[in-house]
Amino acid sequence: DTAVYYCNVRHSIVHARDYWGHGTQVTVS
């Protein structure tokens, strides 16, 4: 599961309204 995790949201009708966060690191030892 170790990865950078990104939040993403997209408008249900206007699909071009698509946004991303900058990410948060998850590290599992």
PDB file of all heavy atoms in Angstrom:
ATOM      1  N   ASP A   1       0.813  -1.209   0.000  1.00  0.00           N
ATOM      2  CA  ASP A   1       0.000   0.000   0.000  1.00  0.00           C
ATOM      3  C   ASP A   1       0.851   1.266   0.000  1.00  0.00           C
ATOM      4  O   ASP A   1       0.306   2.369  -0.119  1.00  0.00           O
ATOM      5  CB  ASP A   1      -0.927   0.028   1.215  1.00  0.00           C
ATOM      6  CG  ASP A   1      -1.964  -1.081   1.202  1.00  0.00           C
ATOM      7  OD1 ASP A   1      -2.532  -1.347   0.128  1.00  0.00           O
ATOM      8  OD2 ASP A   1      -2.203  -1.679   2.273  1.00  0.00           O
ATOM      9  N   THR A   2       2.147   1.130   0.150  1.00  0.00           N
ATOM     10  CA  THR A   2       3.039   2.287   0.174  1.00  0.00           C
ATOM     11  C   THR A   2       2.951   3.050  -1.141  1.00  0.00           C
ATOM     12  O   THR A   2       3.153   2.489  -2.215  1.00  0.00           O
ATOM     13  CB  THR A   2       4.482   1.856   0.436  1.00  0.00           C
ATOM     14  OG1 THR A   2       4.580   1.280   1.742  1.00  0.00           O
ATOM     15  CG2 THR A   2       5.434   3.037   0.336  1.00  0.00           C
ATOM     16  N   ALA A   3       2.633   4.329  -1.061  1.00  0.00           N
ATOM     17  CA  ALA A   3       2.463   5.162  -2.248  1.00  0.00           C
ATOM     18  C   ALA A   3       2.154   6.579  -1.820  1.00  0.00           C
ATOM     19  O   ALA A   3       1.898   6.849  -0.643  1.00  0.00           O
ATOM     20  CB  ALA A   3       1.321   4.631  -3.125  1.00  0.00           C
ATOM     21  N   VAL A   4       2.166   7.485  -2.784  1.00  0.00           N
ATOM     22  CA  VAL A   4       1.601   8.809  -2.584  1.00  0.00           C
ATOM     23  C   VAL A   4       0.122   8.723  -2.941  1.00  0.00           C
ATOM     24  O   VAL A   4      -0.234   8.251  -4.018  1.00  0.00           O
ATOM     25  CB  VAL A   4       2.301   9.877  -3.443  1.00  0.00           C
ATOM     26  CG1 VAL A   4       1.628  11.232  -3.255  1.00  0.00           C
ATOM     27  CG2 VAL A   4       3.775   9.965  -3.081  1.00  0.00           C
ATOM     28  N   TYR A   5      -0.729   9.167  -2.042  1.00  0.00           N
ATOM     29  CA  TYR A   5      -2.171   9.112  -2.236  1.00  0.00           C
ATOM     30  C   TYR A   5      -2.697  10.494  -2.601  1.00  0.00           C
ATOM     31  O   TYR A   5      -2.373  11.481  -1.937  1.00  0.00           O
ATOM     32  CB  TYR A   5      -2.864   8.600  -0.971  1.00  0.00           C
ATOM     33  CG  TYR A   5      -2.724   7.109  -0.787  1.00  0.00           C
ATOM     34  CD1 TYR A   5      -1.504   6.551  -0.436  1.00  0.00           C
ATOM     35  CD2 TYR A   5      -3.808   6.254  -0.982  1.00  0.00           C
ATOM     36  CE1 TYR A   5      -1.357   5.186  -0.289  1.00  0.00           C
ATOM     37  CE2 TYR A   5      -3.673   4.888  -0.831  1.00  0.00           C
ATOM     38  CZ  TYR A   5      -2.452   4.361  -0.487  1.00  0.00           C
ATOM     39  OH  TYR A   5      -2.313   2.997  -0.332  1.00  0.00           O
ATOM     40  N   TYR A   6      -3.519  10.541  -3.653  1.00  0.00           N
ATOM     41  CA  TYR A   6      -4.044  11.790  -4.179  1.00  0.00           C
ATOM     42  C   TYR A   6      -5.565  11.815  -4.097  1.00  0.00           C
ATOM     43  O   TYR A   6      -6.232  10.868  -4.503  1.00  0.00           O
ATOM     44  CB  TYR A   6      -3.651  11.981  -5.650  1.00  0.00           C
ATOM     45  CG  TYR A   6      -2.165  12.053  -5.900  1.00  0.00           C
ATOM     46  CD1 TYR A   6      -1.431  10.909  -6.148  1.00  0.00           C
ATOM     47  CD2 TYR A   6      -1.507  13.281  -5.904  1.00  0.00           C
ATOM     48  CE1 TYR A   6      -0.067  10.969  -6.382  1.00  0.00           C
ATOM     49  CE2 TYR A   6      -0.151  13.355  -6.139  1.00  0.00           C
ATOM     50  CZ  TYR A   6       0.564  12.193  -6.378  1.00  0.00           C
ATOM     51  OH  TYR A   6       1.914  12.258  -6.626  1.00  0.00           O
ATOM     52  N   CYS A   7      -6.099  12.896  -3.608  1.00  0.00           N
ATOM     53  CA  CYS A   7      -7.531  13.138  -3.640  1.00  0.00           C
ATOM     54  C   CYS A   7      -7.921  13.675  -5.012  1.00  0.00           C
ATOM     55  O   CYS A   7      -7.222  14.516  -5.577  1.00  0.00           O
ATOM     56  CB  CYS A   7      -7.893  14.142  -2.546  1.00  0.00           C
ATOM     57  SG  CYS A   7      -9.638  14.573  -2.444  1.00  0.00           S
ATOM     58  N   ASN A   8      -9.017  13.179  -5.563  1.00  0.00           N
ATOM     59  CA  ASN A   8      -9.509  13.621  -6.864  1.00  0.00           C
ATOM     60  C   ASN A   8     -11.013  13.802  -6.813  1.00  0.00           C
ATOM     61  O   ASN A   8     -11.727  12.963  -6.256  1.00  0.00           O
ATOM     62  CB  ASN A   8      -9.147  12.596  -7.950  1.00  0.00           C
ATOM     63  CG  ASN A   8      -9.835  12.862  -9.270  1.00  0.00           C
ATOM     64  OD1 ASN A   8     -10.751  12.140  -9.675  1.00  0.00           O
ATOM     65  ND2 ASN A   8      -9.402  13.905  -9.961  1.00  0.00           N
ATOM     66  N   VAL A   9     -11.501  14.899  -7.387  1.00  0.00           N
ATOM     67  CA  VAL A   9     -12.940  15.128  -7.490  1.00  0.00           C
ATOM     68  C   VAL A   9     -13.270  15.558  -8.914  1.00  0.00           C
ATOM     69  O   VAL A   9     -12.510  16.286  -9.554  1.00  0.00           O
ATOM     70  CB  VAL A   9     -13.442  16.179  -6.470  1.00  0.00           C
ATOM     71  CG1 VAL A   9     -13.075  15.762  -5.053  1.00  0.00           C
ATOM     72  CG2 VAL A   9     -12.902  17.570  -6.766  1.00  0.00           C
ATOM     73  N   ARG A  10     -14.410  15.075  -9.418  1.00  0.00           N
ATOM     74  CA  ARG A  10     -14.854  15.405 -10.777  1.00  0.00           C
ATOM     75  C   ARG A  10     -16.355  15.663 -10.762  1.00  0.00           C
ATOM     76  O   ARG A  10     -17.117  14.858 -10.222  1.00  0.00           O
ATOM     77  CB  ARG A  10     -14.515  14.269 -11.755  1.00  0.00           C
ATOM     78  CG  ARG A  10     -14.864  14.594 -13.200  1.00  0.00           C
ATOM     79  CD  ARG A  10     -14.377  13.524 -14.169  1.00  0.00           C
ATOM     80  NE  ARG A  10     -15.098  12.276 -14.003  1.00  0.00           N
ATOM     81  CZ  ARG A  10     -14.583  11.161 -13.506  1.00  0.00           C
ATOM     82  NH1 ARG A  10     -13.313  11.137 -13.107  1.00  0.00           N
ATOM     83  NH2 ARG A  10     -15.321  10.077 -13.397  1.00  0.00           N
ATOM     84  N   HIS A  11     -16.781  16.758 -11.372  1.00  0.00           N
ATOM     85  CA  HIS A  11     -18.188  17.091 -11.390  1.00  0.00           C
ATOM     86  C   HIS A  11     -18.980  16.006 -12.108  1.00  0.00           C
ATOM     87  O   HIS A  11     -18.570  15.520 -13.162  1.00  0.00           O
ATOM     88  CB  HIS A  11     -18.403  18.446 -12.074  1.00  0.00           C
ATOM     89  CG  HIS A  11     -19.727  19.071 -11.770  1.00  0.00           C
ATOM     90  ND1 HIS A  11     -20.880  18.721 -12.435  1.00  0.00           N
ATOM     91  CD2 HIS A  11     -20.083  20.013 -10.861  1.00  0.00           C
ATOM     92  CE1 HIS A  11     -21.890  19.420 -11.953  1.00  0.00           C
ATOM     93  NE2 HIS A  11     -21.432  20.209 -11.000  1.00  0.00           N
ATOM     94  N   SER A  12     -20.117  15.649 -11.551  1.00  0.00           N
ATOM     95  CA  SER A  12     -20.919  14.550 -12.091  1.00  0.00           C
ATOM     96  C   SER A  12     -21.450  14.840 -13.492  1.00  0.00           C
ATOM     97  O   SER A  12     -21.678  13.912 -14.273  1.00  0.00           O
ATOM     98  CB  SER A  12     -22.092  14.242 -11.160  1.00  0.00           C
ATOM     99  OG  SER A  12     -21.637  13.787  -9.899  1.00  0.00           O
ATOM    100  N   ILE A  13     -21.668  16.102 -13.833  1.00  0.00           N
ATOM    101  CA  ILE A  13     -22.210  16.481 -15.136  1.00  0.00           C
ATOM    102  C   ILE A  13     -21.143  17.159 -15.989  1.00  0.00           C
ATOM    103  O   ILE A  13     -20.918  16.774 -17.144  1.00  0.00           O
ATOM    104  CB  ILE A  13     -23.434  17.396 -14.975  1.00  0.00           C
ATOM    105  CG1 ILE A  13     -24.558  16.652 -14.237  1.00  0.00           C
ATOM    106  CG2 ILE A  13     -23.917  17.885 -16.338  1.00  0.00           C
ATOM    107  CD1 ILE A  13     -25.752  17.514 -13.903  1.00  0.00           C
ATOM    108  N   VAL A  14     -20.490  18.176 -15.450  1.00  0.00           N
ATOM    109  CA  VAL A  14     -19.454  18.898 -16.181  1.00  0.00           C
ATOM    110  C   VAL A  14     -18.127  18.207 -15.886  1.00  0.00           C
ATOM    111  O   VAL A  14     -17.396  18.595 -14.965  1.00  0.00           O
ATOM    112  CB  VAL A  14     -19.415  20.383 -15.789  1.00  0.00           C
ATOM    113  CG1 VAL A  14     -18.434  21.139 -16.681  1.00  0.00           C
ATOM    114  CG2 VAL A  14     -20.805  21.002 -15.888  1.00  0.00           C
ATOM    115  N   HIS A  15     -17.802  17.182 -16.665  1.00  0.00           N
ATOM    116  CA  HIS A  15     -16.653  16.335 -16.381  1.00  0.00           C
ATOM    117  C   HIS A  15     -15.320  17.065 -16.498  1.00  0.00           C
ATOM    118  O   HIS A  15     -14.327  16.620 -15.917  1.00  0.00           O
ATOM    119  CB  HIS A  15     -16.661  15.117 -17.300  1.00  0.00           C
ATOM    120  CG  HIS A  15     -17.809  14.186 -17.053  1.00  0.00           C
ATOM    121  ND1 HIS A  15     -18.104  13.139 -17.893  1.00  0.00           N
ATOM    122  CD2 HIS A  15     -18.727  14.145 -16.059  1.00  0.00           C
ATOM    123  CE1 HIS A  15     -19.162  12.496 -17.432  1.00  0.00           C
ATOM    124  NE2 HIS A  15     -19.562  13.088 -16.319  1.00  0.00           N
ATOM    125  N   ALA A  16     -15.291  18.177 -17.234  1.00  0.00           N
ATOM    126  CA  ALA A  16     -14.055  18.935 -17.353  1.00  0.00           C
ATOM    127  C   ALA A  16     -13.661  19.587 -16.032  1.00  0.00           C
ATOM    128  O   ALA A  16     -12.504  19.976 -15.866  1.00  0.00           O
ATOM    129  CB  ALA A  16     -14.193  19.995 -18.440  1.00  0.00           C
ATOM    130  N   ARG A  17     -14.587  19.700 -15.109  1.00  0.00           N
ATOM    131  CA  ARG A  17     -14.278  20.238 -13.787  1.00  0.00           C
ATOM    132  C   ARG A  17     -13.695  19.116 -12.948  1.00  0.00           C
ATOM    133  O   ARG A  17     -14.397  18.428 -12.201  1.00  0.00           O
ATOM    134  CB  ARG A  17     -15.525  20.845 -13.146  1.00  0.00           C
ATOM    135  CG  ARG A  17     -16.069  22.037 -13.935  1.00  0.00           C
ATOM    136  CD  ARG A  17     -17.290  22.655 -13.288  1.00  0.00           C
ATOM    137  NE  ARG A  17     -17.815  23.757 -14.083  1.00  0.00           N
ATOM    138  CZ  ARG A  17     -18.901  24.456 -13.777  1.00  0.00           C
ATOM    139  NH1 ARG A  17     -19.582  24.164 -12.680  1.00  0.00           N
ATOM    140  NH2 ARG A  17     -19.306  25.431 -14.574  1.00  0.00           N
ATOM    141  N   ASP A  18     -12.393  18.922 -13.115  1.00  0.00           N
ATOM    142  CA  ASP A  18     -11.655  17.809 -12.542  1.00  0.00           C
ATOM    143  C   ASP A  18     -10.473  18.373 -11.764  1.00  0.00           C
ATOM    144  O   ASP A  18      -9.643  19.087 -12.331  1.00  0.00           O
ATOM    145  CB  ASP A  18     -11.189  16.880 -13.672  1.00  0.00           C
ATOM    146  CG  ASP A  18     -10.570  15.604 -13.174  1.00  0.00           C
ATOM    147  OD1 ASP A  18     -11.084  15.019 -12.203  1.00  0.00           O
ATOM    148  OD2 ASP A  18      -9.557  15.172 -13.775  1.00  0.00           O
ATOM    149  N   TYR A  19     -10.374  18.049 -10.474  1.00  0.00           N
ATOM    150  CA  TYR A  19      -9.380  18.669  -9.607  1.00  0.00           C
ATOM    151  C   TYR A  19      -8.604  17.626  -8.828  1.00  0.00           C
ATOM    152  O   TYR A  19      -9.121  16.556  -8.477  1.00  0.00           O
ATOM    153  CB  TYR A  19     -10.051  19.638  -8.628  1.00  0.00           C
ATOM    154  CG  TYR A  19     -10.856  20.717  -9.300  1.00  0.00           C
ATOM    155  CD1 TYR A  19     -12.213  20.547  -9.543  1.00  0.00           C
ATOM    156  CD2 TYR A  19     -10.254  21.909  -9.701  1.00  0.00           C
ATOM    157  CE1 TYR A  19     -12.960  21.531 -10.162  1.00  0.00           C
ATOM    158  CE2 TYR A  19     -10.989  22.907 -10.324  1.00  0.00           C
ATOM    159  CZ  TYR A  19     -12.344  22.712 -10.549  1.00  0.00           C
ATOM    160  OH  TYR A  19     -13.077  23.700 -11.166  1.00  0.00           O
ATOM    161  N   TRP A  20      -7.347  17.940  -8.560  1.00  0.00           N
ATOM    162  CA  TRP A  20      -6.435  17.056  -7.842  1.00  0.00           C
ATOM    163  C   TRP A  20      -5.761  17.777  -6.689  1.00  0.00           C
ATOM    164  O   TRP A  20      -5.441  18.966  -6.779  1.00  0.00           O
ATOM    165  CB  TRP A  20      -5.332  16.533  -8.773  1.00  0.00           C
ATOM    166  CG  TRP A  20      -5.812  15.634  -9.858  1.00  0.00           C
ATOM    167  CD1 TRP A  20      -6.332  16.005 -11.059  1.00  0.00           C
ATOM    168  CD2 TRP A  20      -5.796  14.208  -9.847  1.00  0.00           C
ATOM    169  NE1 TRP A  20      -6.654  14.887 -11.807  1.00  0.00           N
ATOM    170  CE2 TRP A  20      -6.326  13.776 -11.089  1.00  0.00           C
ATOM    171  CE3 TRP A  20      -5.379  13.254  -8.917  1.00  0.00           C
ATOM    172  CZ2 TRP A  20      -6.449  12.429 -11.416  1.00  0.00           C
ATOM    173  CZ3 TRP A  20      -5.502  11.914  -9.241  1.00  0.00           C
ATOM    174  CH2 TRP A  20      -6.034  11.517 -10.476  1.00  0.00           C
ATOM    175  N   GLY A  21      -5.528  17.043  -5.614  1.00  0.00           N
ATOM    176  CA  GLY A  21      -4.678  17.539  -4.556  1.00  0.00           C
ATOM    177  C   GLY A  21      -3.221  17.269  -4.871  1.00  0.00           C
ATOM    178  O   GLY A  21      -2.879  16.663  -5.887  1.00  0.00           O
ATOM    179  N   HIS A  22      -2.333  17.707  -3.989  1.00  0.00           N
ATOM    180  CA  HIS A  22      -0.900  17.548  -4.210  1.00  0.00           C
ATOM    181  C   HIS A  22      -0.342  16.237  -3.663  1.00  0.00           C
ATOM    182  O   HIS A  22       0.814  15.909  -3.933  1.00  0.00           O
ATOM    183  CB  HIS A  22      -0.139  18.719  -3.588  1.00  0.00           C
ATOM    184  CG  HIS A  22      -0.397  20.032  -4.270  1.00  0.00           C
ATOM    185  ND1 HIS A  22      -0.091  20.249  -5.589  1.00  0.00           N
ATOM    186  CD2 HIS A  22      -0.943  21.189  -3.806  1.00  0.00           C
ATOM    187  CE1 HIS A  22      -0.432  21.484  -5.924  1.00  0.00           C
ATOM    188  NE2 HIS A  22      -0.949  22.073  -4.858  1.00  0.00           N
ATOM    189  N   GLY A  23      -1.134  15.488  -2.934  1.00  0.00           N
ATOM    190  CA  GLY A  23      -0.736  14.169  -2.484  1.00  0.00           C
ATOM    191  C   GLY A  23      -0.216  14.140  -1.060  1.00  0.00           C
ATOM    192  O   GLY A  23       0.293  15.131  -0.542  1.00  0.00           O
ATOM    193  N   THR A  24      -0.339  12.972  -0.440  1.00  0.00           N
ATOM    194  CA  THR A  24       0.202  12.731   0.889  1.00  0.00           C
ATOM    195  C   THR A  24       0.853  11.352   0.903  1.00  0.00           C
ATOM    196  O   THR A  24       0.297  10.388   0.379  1.00  0.00           O
ATOM    197  CB  THR A  24      -0.897  12.847   1.973  1.00  0.00           C
ATOM    198  OG1 THR A  24      -0.314  12.705   3.272  1.00  0.00           O
ATOM    199  CG2 THR A  24      -1.993  11.809   1.791  1.00  0.00           C
ATOM    200  N   GLN A  25       2.043  11.265   1.480  1.00  0.00           N
ATOM    201  CA  GLN A  25       2.820  10.031   1.454  1.00  0.00           C
ATOM    202  C   GLN A  25       2.344   9.058   2.519  1.00  0.00           C
ATOM    203  O   GLN A  25       2.195   9.414   3.686  1.00  0.00           O
ATOM    204  CB  GLN A  25       4.306  10.339   1.673  1.00  0.00           C
ATOM    205  CG  GLN A  25       5.204   9.100   1.749  1.00  0.00           C
ATOM    206  CD  GLN A  25       5.363   8.412   0.416  1.00  0.00           C
ATOM    207  OE1 GLN A  25       5.655   9.070  -0.592  1.00  0.00           O
ATOM    208  NE2 GLN A  25       5.171   7.098   0.389  1.00  0.00           N
ATOM    209  N   VAL A  26       2.124   7.811   2.107  1.00  0.00           N
ATOM    210  CA  VAL A  26       1.822   6.711   3.018  1.00  0.00           C
ATOM    211  C   VAL A  26       2.918   5.667   2.874  1.00  0.00           C
ATOM    212  O   VAL A  26       3.158   5.168   1.773  1.00  0.00           O
ATOM    213  CB  VAL A  26       0.451   6.081   2.722  1.00  0.00           C
ATOM    214  CG1 VAL A  26       0.242   4.815   3.553  1.00  0.00           C
ATOM    215  CG2 VAL A  26      -0.664   7.077   2.991  1.00  0.00           C
ATOM    216  N   THR A  27       3.590   5.354   3.967  1.00  0.00           N
ATOM    217  CA  THR A  27       4.655   4.358   3.961  1.00  0.00           C
ATOM    218  C   THR A  27       4.336   3.285   4.997  1.00  0.00           C
ATOM    219  O   THR A  27       4.126   3.597   6.169  1.00  0.00           O
ATOM    220  CB  THR A  27       6.014   4.988   4.272  1.00  0.00           C
ATOM    221  OG1 THR A  27       6.293   6.025   3.323  1.00  0.00           O
ATOM    222  CG2 THR A  27       7.122   3.941   4.201  1.00  0.00           C
ATOM    223  N   VAL A  28       4.307   2.029   4.553  1.00  0.00           N
ATOM    224  CA  VAL A  28       3.997   0.902   5.422  1.00  0.00           C
ATOM    225  C   VAL A  28       5.227   0.012   5.494  1.00  0.00           C
ATOM    226  O   VAL A  28       5.660  -0.543   4.481  1.00  0.00           O
ATOM    227  CB  VAL A  28       2.789   0.103   4.918  1.00  0.00           C
ATOM    228  CG1 VAL A  28       2.426  -0.994   5.910  1.00  0.00           C
ATOM    229  CG2 VAL A  28       1.599   1.028   4.684  1.00  0.00           C
ATOM    230  N   SER A  29       5.796  -0.131   6.674  1.00  0.00           N
ATOM    231  CA  SER A  29       6.989  -0.940   6.858  1.00  0.00           C
ATOM    232  C   SER A  29       6.606  -2.371   7.211  1.00  0.00           C
ATOM    233  O   SER A  29       5.577  -2.626   7.844  1.00  0.00           O
ATOM    234  CB  SER A  29       7.881  -0.353   7.947  1.00  0.00           C
ATOM    235  OG  SER A  29       7.208  -0.312   9.193  1.00  0.00           O
TER     236      SER A  29
END
